[in-house]
Amino acid sequence: MSPRIKPGTRRDIGLVNTGIAQALGAATGGRPPNLFTTLARHRGIYRKWLRFAGALMPGGKLPRDESEIVILRVAHNTKCEYEWRHHERLGAQAGLSPEEIERVRLGPDAGWSERRAALLRATDELHAENRISDKVWTELRPMYSDEELIELCLLAGHYEMLAGTLNSLEVEPDKPHKGKPTLAMRIASAVASRR
């Protein structure tokens, strides 16, 4: 299966967007991700979206490993292979073990801590009902600040939107990077482990 809209070339997305995509690829130790070179075809919205997405992750207030749990659960719920593969790698960089990453697929009742189980329940409810129930909100409330709860809703909603876009455009998952982690990957991992 080929993508409905192919990743853009330098001519399609422009010099600045090409540079951004190359930098993002270098930061994760690979080529420019298909996600960025595809979305950059819409030059008017790409950088605005990128700023918002970056403010949520990695620039958000939620701990990085928890952001990745939310994103992976959204990817599972939406059957978005691109999002899953991309965040499987980022989740590992944020400190999630391979077992934890796979356990995200099993949901909130798969032996998680109270905090992570509540996070997964909230993500599932946002997916199914577009609302966190009073019961789950009551579980989350003592564990998260106002800002973190707002961010949780925006993070899950953003990745639901992105999954729908990726699935609809049939963006092909990036080829896995082979070799040693880049300096940028090691720095990102070190920063994530200190949060």
C-alpha atoms as a PDB file:
ATOM      1  CA  MET A   1       0.000   0.000   0.000  1.00  0.00           C
ATOM      2  CA  SER A   2       1.380   3.390  -0.885  1.00  0.00           C
ATOM      3  CA  PRO A   3       0.561   6.653   0.895  1.00  0.00           C
ATOM      4  CA  ARG A   4      -2.381   8.674  -0.370  1.00  0.00           C
ATOM      5  CA  ILE A   5      -0.204  11.776  -0.123  1.00  0.00           C
ATOM      6  CA  LYS A   6       3.499  11.114  -0.513  1.00  0.00           C
ATOM      7  CA  PRO A   7       6.145  12.742   1.685  1.00  0.00           C
ATOM      8  CA  GLY A   8       7.210  16.033   0.169  1.00  0.00           C
ATOM      9  CA  THR A   9      10.523  16.702  -1.471  1.00  0.00           C
ATOM     10  CA  ARG A  10      12.504  19.888  -0.872  1.00  0.00           C
ATOM     11  CA  ARG A  11      10.692  21.418  -3.831  1.00  0.00           C
ATOM     12  CA  ASP A  12       7.301  20.466  -2.353  1.00  0.00           C
ATOM     13  CA  ILE A  13       7.875  21.639   1.221  1.00  0.00           C
ATOM     14  CA  GLY A  14      10.486  24.379   0.865  1.00  0.00           C
ATOM     15  CA  LEU A  15      13.987  24.881   2.190  1.00  0.00           C
ATOM     16  CA  VAL A  16      13.063  25.830   5.772  1.00  0.00           C
ATOM     17  CA  ASN A  17      10.632  22.927   6.225  1.00  0.00           C
ATOM     18  CA  THR A  18      13.186  20.556   4.730  1.00  0.00           C
ATOM     19  CA  GLY A  19      15.747  21.771   7.266  1.00  0.00           C
ATOM     20  CA  ILE A  20      13.279  21.309  10.128  1.00  0.00           C
ATOM     21  CA  ALA A  21      12.441  17.765   8.991  1.00  0.00           C
ATOM     22  CA  GLN A  22      16.127  16.901   8.620  1.00  0.00           C
ATOM     23  CA  ALA A  23      16.888  18.252  12.106  1.00  0.00           C
ATOM     24  CA  LEU A  24      14.018  16.239  13.600  1.00  0.00           C
ATOM     25  CA  GLY A  25      15.274  13.136  11.833  1.00  0.00           C
ATOM     26  CA  ALA A  26      18.838  13.728  13.040  1.00  0.00           C
ATOM     27  CA  ALA A  27      17.604  14.215  16.614  1.00  0.00           C
ATOM     28  CA  THR A  28      16.104  10.743  16.577  1.00  0.00           C
ATOM     29  CA  GLY A  29      18.993   9.183  14.689  1.00  0.00           C
ATOM     30  CA  GLY A  30      17.375   8.690  11.325  1.00  0.00           C
ATOM     31  CA  ARG A  31      16.075  10.248   8.154  1.00  0.00           C
ATOM     32  CA  PRO A  32      13.446  12.993   8.140  1.00  0.00           C
ATOM     33  CA  PRO A  33      10.266  11.296   9.436  1.00  0.00           C
ATOM     34  CA  ASN A  34       7.510  10.759   6.869  1.00  0.00           C
ATOM     35  CA  LEU A  35       5.072  12.447   9.245  1.00  0.00           C
ATOM     36  CA  PHE A  36       6.915  15.768   8.972  1.00  0.00           C
ATOM     37  CA  THR A  37       7.688  15.642   5.274  1.00  0.00           C
ATOM     38  CA  THR A  38       4.053  14.790   4.539  1.00  0.00           C
ATOM     39  CA  LEU A  39       2.428  17.419   6.767  1.00  0.00           C
ATOM     40  CA  ALA A  40       4.923  20.043   5.579  1.00  0.00           C
ATOM     41  CA  ARG A  41       3.214  19.900   2.167  1.00  0.00           C
ATOM     42  CA  HIS A  42       0.666  22.233   3.798  1.00  0.00           C
ATOM     43  CA  ARG A  43       3.180  24.993   4.354  1.00  0.00           C
ATOM     44  CA  GLY A  44       0.697  27.412   5.898  1.00  0.00           C
ATOM     45  CA  ILE A  45      -0.197  25.169   8.808  1.00  0.00           C
ATOM     46  CA  TYR A  46       2.851  22.933   9.289  1.00  0.00           C
ATOM     47  CA  ARG A  47       5.029  25.155  11.489  1.00  0.00           C
ATOM     48  CA  LYS A  48       2.049  26.386  13.523  1.00  0.00           C
ATOM     49  CA  TRP A  49       1.064  22.767  14.184  1.00  0.00           C
ATOM     50  CA  LEU A  50       4.660  21.829  14.973  1.00  0.00           C
ATOM     51  CA  ARG A  51       4.900  24.584  17.607  1.00  0.00           C
ATOM     52  CA  PHE A  52       1.691  23.391  19.291  1.00  0.00           C
ATOM     53  CA  ALA A  53       2.710  19.717  19.109  1.00  0.00           C
ATOM     54  CA  GLY A  54       6.137  20.518  20.577  1.00  0.00           C
ATOM     55  CA  ALA A  55       4.557  22.464  23.440  1.00  0.00           C
ATOM     56  CA  LEU A  56       2.654  19.314  24.403  1.00  0.00           C
ATOM     57  CA  MET A  57       5.498  16.879  23.810  1.00  0.00           C
ATOM     58  CA  PRO A  58       8.355  17.159  24.654  1.00  0.00           C
ATOM     59  CA  GLY A  59       7.712  20.629  26.117  1.00  0.00           C
ATOM     60  CA  GLY A  60       4.762  19.786  28.370  1.00  0.00           C
ATOM     61  CA  LYS A  61       4.408  19.577  32.129  1.00  0.00           C
ATOM     62  CA  LEU A  62       3.480  15.896  32.297  1.00  0.00           C
ATOM     63  CA  PRO A  63       6.455  13.626  32.955  1.00  0.00           C
ATOM     64  CA  ARG A  64       7.827  12.392  29.611  1.00  0.00           C
ATOM     65  CA  ASP A  65       7.242   8.721  30.365  1.00  0.00           C
ATOM     66  CA  GLU A  66       3.596   9.456  31.173  1.00  0.00           C
ATOM     67  CA  SER A  67       3.149  11.501  27.995  1.00  0.00           C
ATOM     68  CA  GLU A  68       4.445   8.525  26.047  1.00  0.00           C
ATOM     69  CA  ILE A  69       2.037   6.155  27.820  1.00  0.00           C
ATOM     70  CA  VAL A  70      -0.875   8.410  26.788  1.00  0.00           C
ATOM     71  CA  ILE A  71       0.362   8.680  23.198  1.00  0.00           C
ATOM     72  CA  LEU A  72       0.967   4.930  22.896  1.00  0.00           C
ATOM     73  CA  ARG A  73      -2.505   4.202  24.251  1.00  0.00           C
ATOM     74  CA  VAL A  74      -4.014   6.614  21.724  1.00  0.00           C
ATOM     75  CA  ALA A  75      -2.015   4.889  18.966  1.00  0.00           C
ATOM     76  CA  HIS A  76      -3.328   1.504  20.117  1.00  0.00           C
ATOM     77  CA  ASN A  77      -6.938   2.715  20.424  1.00  0.00           C
ATOM     78  CA  THR A  78      -6.879   4.332  16.965  1.00  0.00           C
ATOM     79  CA  LYS A  79      -4.960   1.470  15.317  1.00  0.00           C
ATOM     80  CA  CYS A  80      -2.370   3.973  14.133  1.00  0.00           C
ATOM     81  CA  GLU A  81       0.714   1.953  13.243  1.00  0.00           C
ATOM     82  CA  TYR A  82       2.780   5.023  12.379  1.00  0.00           C
ATOM     83  CA  GLU A  83       2.103   6.652  15.741  1.00  0.00           C
ATOM     84  CA  TRP A  84       2.752   3.391  17.608  1.00  0.00           C
ATOM     85  CA  ARG A  85       6.102   2.694  15.957  1.00  0.00           C
ATOM     86  CA  HIS A  86       7.297   6.278  16.282  1.00  0.00           C
ATOM     87  CA  HIS A  87       6.373   6.513  19.979  1.00  0.00           C
ATOM     88  CA  GLU A  88       7.525   3.006  20.803  1.00  0.00           C
ATOM     89  CA  ARG A  89      11.024   4.355  20.155  1.00  0.00           C
ATOM     90  CA  LEU A  90      10.378   7.683  21.915  1.00  0.00           C
ATOM     91  CA  GLY A  91       8.822   5.861  24.878  1.00  0.00           C
ATOM     92  CA  ALA A  92      11.974   3.804  25.290  1.00  0.00           C
ATOM     93  CA  GLN A  93      14.047   7.000  25.173  1.00  0.00           C
ATOM     94  CA  ALA A  94      11.771   8.447  27.883  1.00  0.00           C
ATOM     95  CA  GLY A  95      12.540   5.491  30.156  1.00  0.00           C
ATOM     96  CA  LEU A  96       9.733   3.001  29.468  1.00  0.00           C
ATOM     97  CA  SER A  97      10.844  -0.620  29.368  1.00  0.00           C
ATOM     98  CA  PRO A  98       9.931  -2.831  26.376  1.00  0.00           C
ATOM     99  CA  GLU A  99       7.554  -4.720  28.712  1.00  0.00           C
ATOM    100  CA  GLU A 100       5.808  -1.485  29.773  1.00  0.00           C
ATOM    101  CA  ILE A 101       5.460  -0.362  26.169  1.00  0.00           C
ATOM    102  CA  GLU A 102       3.781  -3.642  25.185  1.00  0.00           C
ATOM    103  CA  ARG A 103       1.643  -3.590  28.356  1.00  0.00           C
ATOM    104  CA  VAL A 104       0.130  -0.268  27.221  1.00  0.00           C
ATOM    105  CA  ARG A 105      -1.813  -2.348  24.682  1.00  0.00           C
ATOM    106  CA  LEU A 106      -3.428  -4.326  27.539  1.00  0.00           C
ATOM    107  CA  GLY A 107      -4.888  -1.215  29.146  1.00  0.00           C
ATOM    108  CA  PRO A 108      -5.369   0.146  32.654  1.00  0.00           C
ATOM    109  CA  ASP A 109      -6.014  -3.192  34.380  1.00  0.00           C
ATOM    110  CA  ALA A 110      -2.695  -4.767  33.370  1.00  0.00           C
ATOM    111  CA  GLY A 111      -0.801  -4.315  36.646  1.00  0.00           C
ATOM    112  CA  TRP A 112      -0.038  -0.581  36.490  1.00  0.00           C
ATOM    113  CA  SER A 113       0.470   1.716  39.451  1.00  0.00           C
ATOM    114  CA  GLU A 114      -2.636   3.613  40.588  1.00  0.00           C
ATOM    115  CA  ARG A 115      -1.374   6.767  38.836  1.00  0.00           C
ATOM    116  CA  ARG A 116      -0.630   5.110  35.504  1.00  0.00           C
ATOM    117  CA  ALA A 117      -3.847   3.071  35.561  1.00  0.00           C
ATOM    118  CA  ALA A 118      -5.854   6.291  36.063  1.00  0.00           C
ATOM    119  CA  LEU A 119      -3.936   7.912  33.198  1.00  0.00           C
ATOM    120  CA  LEU A 120      -4.777   4.991  30.898  1.00  0.00           C
ATOM    121  CA  ARG A 121      -8.447   5.000  31.987  1.00  0.00           C
ATOM    122  CA  ALA A 122      -8.658   8.727  31.222  1.00  0.00           C
ATOM    123  CA  THR A 123      -7.088   8.181  27.796  1.00  0.00           C
ATOM    124  CA  ASP A 124      -9.545   5.374  27.032  1.00  0.00           C
ATOM    125  CA  GLU A 125     -12.513   7.490  28.125  1.00  0.00           C
ATOM    126  CA  LEU A 126     -11.380  10.455  26.047  1.00  0.00           C
ATOM    127  CA  HIS A 127     -11.163   8.090  23.071  1.00  0.00           C
ATOM    128  CA  ALA A 128     -14.547   6.437  23.616  1.00  0.00           C
ATOM    129  CA  GLU A 129     -16.627   9.264  25.081  1.00  0.00           C
ATOM    130  CA  ASN A 130     -14.666  12.497  24.445  1.00  0.00           C
ATOM    131  CA  ARG A 131     -14.888  13.102  28.188  1.00  0.00           C
ATOM    132  CA  ILE A 132     -13.235  11.910  31.389  1.00  0.00           C
ATOM    133  CA  SER A 133     -15.911  10.528  33.726  1.00  0.00           C
ATOM    134  CA  ASP A 134     -16.419  11.896  37.234  1.00  0.00           C
ATOM    135  CA  LYS A 135     -15.116   8.613  38.654  1.00  0.00           C
ATOM    136  CA  VAL A 136     -11.802   8.760  36.782  1.00  0.00           C
ATOM    137  CA  TRP A 137     -11.499  12.522  37.317  1.00  0.00           C
ATOM    138  CA  THR A 138     -11.758  11.873  41.068  1.00  0.00           C
ATOM    139  CA  GLU A 139      -8.893   9.357  40.774  1.00  0.00           C
ATOM    140  CA  LEU A 140      -6.713  11.785  38.796  1.00  0.00           C
ATOM    141  CA  ARG A 141      -7.425  14.943  40.799  1.00  0.00           C
ATOM    142  CA  PRO A 142      -5.151  14.321  43.823  1.00  0.00           C
ATOM    143  CA  MET A 143      -2.272  13.158  41.589  1.00  0.00           C
ATOM    144  CA  TYR A 144      -2.172  15.911  38.954  1.00  0.00           C
ATOM    145  CA  SER A 145      -2.143  19.720  38.954  1.00  0.00           C
ATOM    146  CA  ASP A 146      -4.663  21.826  37.042  1.00  0.00           C
ATOM    147  CA  GLU A 147      -2.092  22.423  34.302  1.00  0.00           C
ATOM    148  CA  GLU A 148      -1.297  18.717  34.004  1.00  0.00           C
ATOM    149  CA  LEU A 149      -4.996  17.798  33.738  1.00  0.00           C
ATOM    150  CA  ILE A 150      -5.557  20.385  31.012  1.00  0.00           C
ATOM    151  CA  GLU A 151      -2.473  19.080  29.225  1.00  0.00           C
ATOM    152  CA  LEU A 152      -3.651  15.463  29.531  1.00  0.00           C
ATOM    153  CA  CYS A 153      -6.877  16.320  27.695  1.00  0.00           C
ATOM    154  CA  LEU A 154      -5.050  18.318  25.012  1.00  0.00           C
ATOM    155  CA  LEU A 155      -2.337  15.662  24.587  1.00  0.00           C
ATOM    156  CA  ALA A 156      -4.797  12.802  24.109  1.00  0.00           C
ATOM    157  CA  GLY A 157      -6.985  14.921  21.817  1.00  0.00           C
ATOM    158  CA  HIS A 158      -4.040  16.076  19.736  1.00  0.00           C
ATOM    159  CA  TYR A 159      -2.749  12.545  19.186  1.00  0.00           C
ATOM    160  CA  GLU A 160      -6.276  11.312  18.339  1.00  0.00           C
ATOM    161  CA  MET A 161      -6.412  14.028  15.643  1.00  0.00           C
ATOM    162  CA  LEU A 162      -2.926  13.156  14.436  1.00  0.00           C
ATOM    163  CA  ALA A 163      -3.739   9.432  14.308  1.00  0.00           C
ATOM    164  CA  GLY A 164      -6.808  10.151  12.176  1.00  0.00           C
ATOM    165  CA  THR A 165      -4.662  12.235   9.833  1.00  0.00           C
ATOM    166  CA  LEU A 166      -1.904   9.612   9.599  1.00  0.00           C
ATOM    167  CA  ASN A 167      -4.398   6.778   9.064  1.00  0.00           C
ATOM    168  CA  SER A 168      -6.353   8.744   6.435  1.00  0.00           C
ATOM    169  CA  LEU A 169      -3.269   9.862   4.505  1.00  0.00           C
ATOM    170  CA  GLU A 170      -1.828   6.334   4.872  1.00  0.00           C
ATOM    171  CA  VAL A 171       1.551   7.716   5.918  1.00  0.00           C
ATOM    172  CA  GLU A 172       4.051   4.859   5.844  1.00  0.00           C
ATOM    173  CA  PRO A 173       5.904   4.130   9.101  1.00  0.00           C
ATOM    174  CA  ASP A 174       9.544   5.182   9.048  1.00  0.00           C
ATOM    175  CA  LYS A 175      12.173   2.531   8.650  1.00  0.00           C
ATOM    176  CA  PRO A 176      13.738   1.685  12.023  1.00  0.00           C
ATOM    177  CA  HIS A 177      17.067   3.322  12.737  1.00  0.00           C
ATOM    178  CA  LYS A 178      19.923   0.895  13.093  1.00  0.00           C
ATOM    179  CA  GLY A 179      23.115   1.649  14.904  1.00  0.00           C
ATOM    180  CA  LYS A 180      24.156   3.509  17.978  1.00  0.00           C
ATOM    181  CA  PRO A 181      22.030   6.285  19.457  1.00  0.00           C
ATOM    182  CA  THR A 182      23.011   9.734  18.269  1.00  0.00           C
ATOM    183  CA  LEU A 183      24.269  12.393  20.663  1.00  0.00           C
ATOM    184  CA  ALA A 184      20.856  14.086  20.425  1.00  0.00           C
ATOM    185  CA  MET A 185      19.126  10.823  21.371  1.00  0.00           C
ATOM    186  CA  ARG A 186      21.455  10.325  24.357  1.00  0.00           C
ATOM    187  CA  ILE A 187      20.874  13.908  25.536  1.00  0.00           C
ATOM    188  CA  ALA A 188      17.089  13.541  25.174  1.00  0.00           C
ATOM    189  CA  SER A 189      17.226  10.298  27.154  1.00  0.00           C
ATOM    190  CA  ALA A 190      19.309  11.888  29.925  1.00  0.00           C
ATOM    191  CA  VAL A 191      16.953  14.883  30.177  1.00  0.00           C
ATOM    192  CA  ALA A 192      13.902  12.593  30.281  1.00  0.00           C
ATOM    193  CA  SER A 193      15.378  10.482  33.075  1.00  0.00           C
ATOM    194  CA  ARG A 194      15.914  13.578  35.260  1.00  0.00           C
ATOM    195  CA  ARG A 195      12.256  14.664  35.105  1.00  0.00           C
END
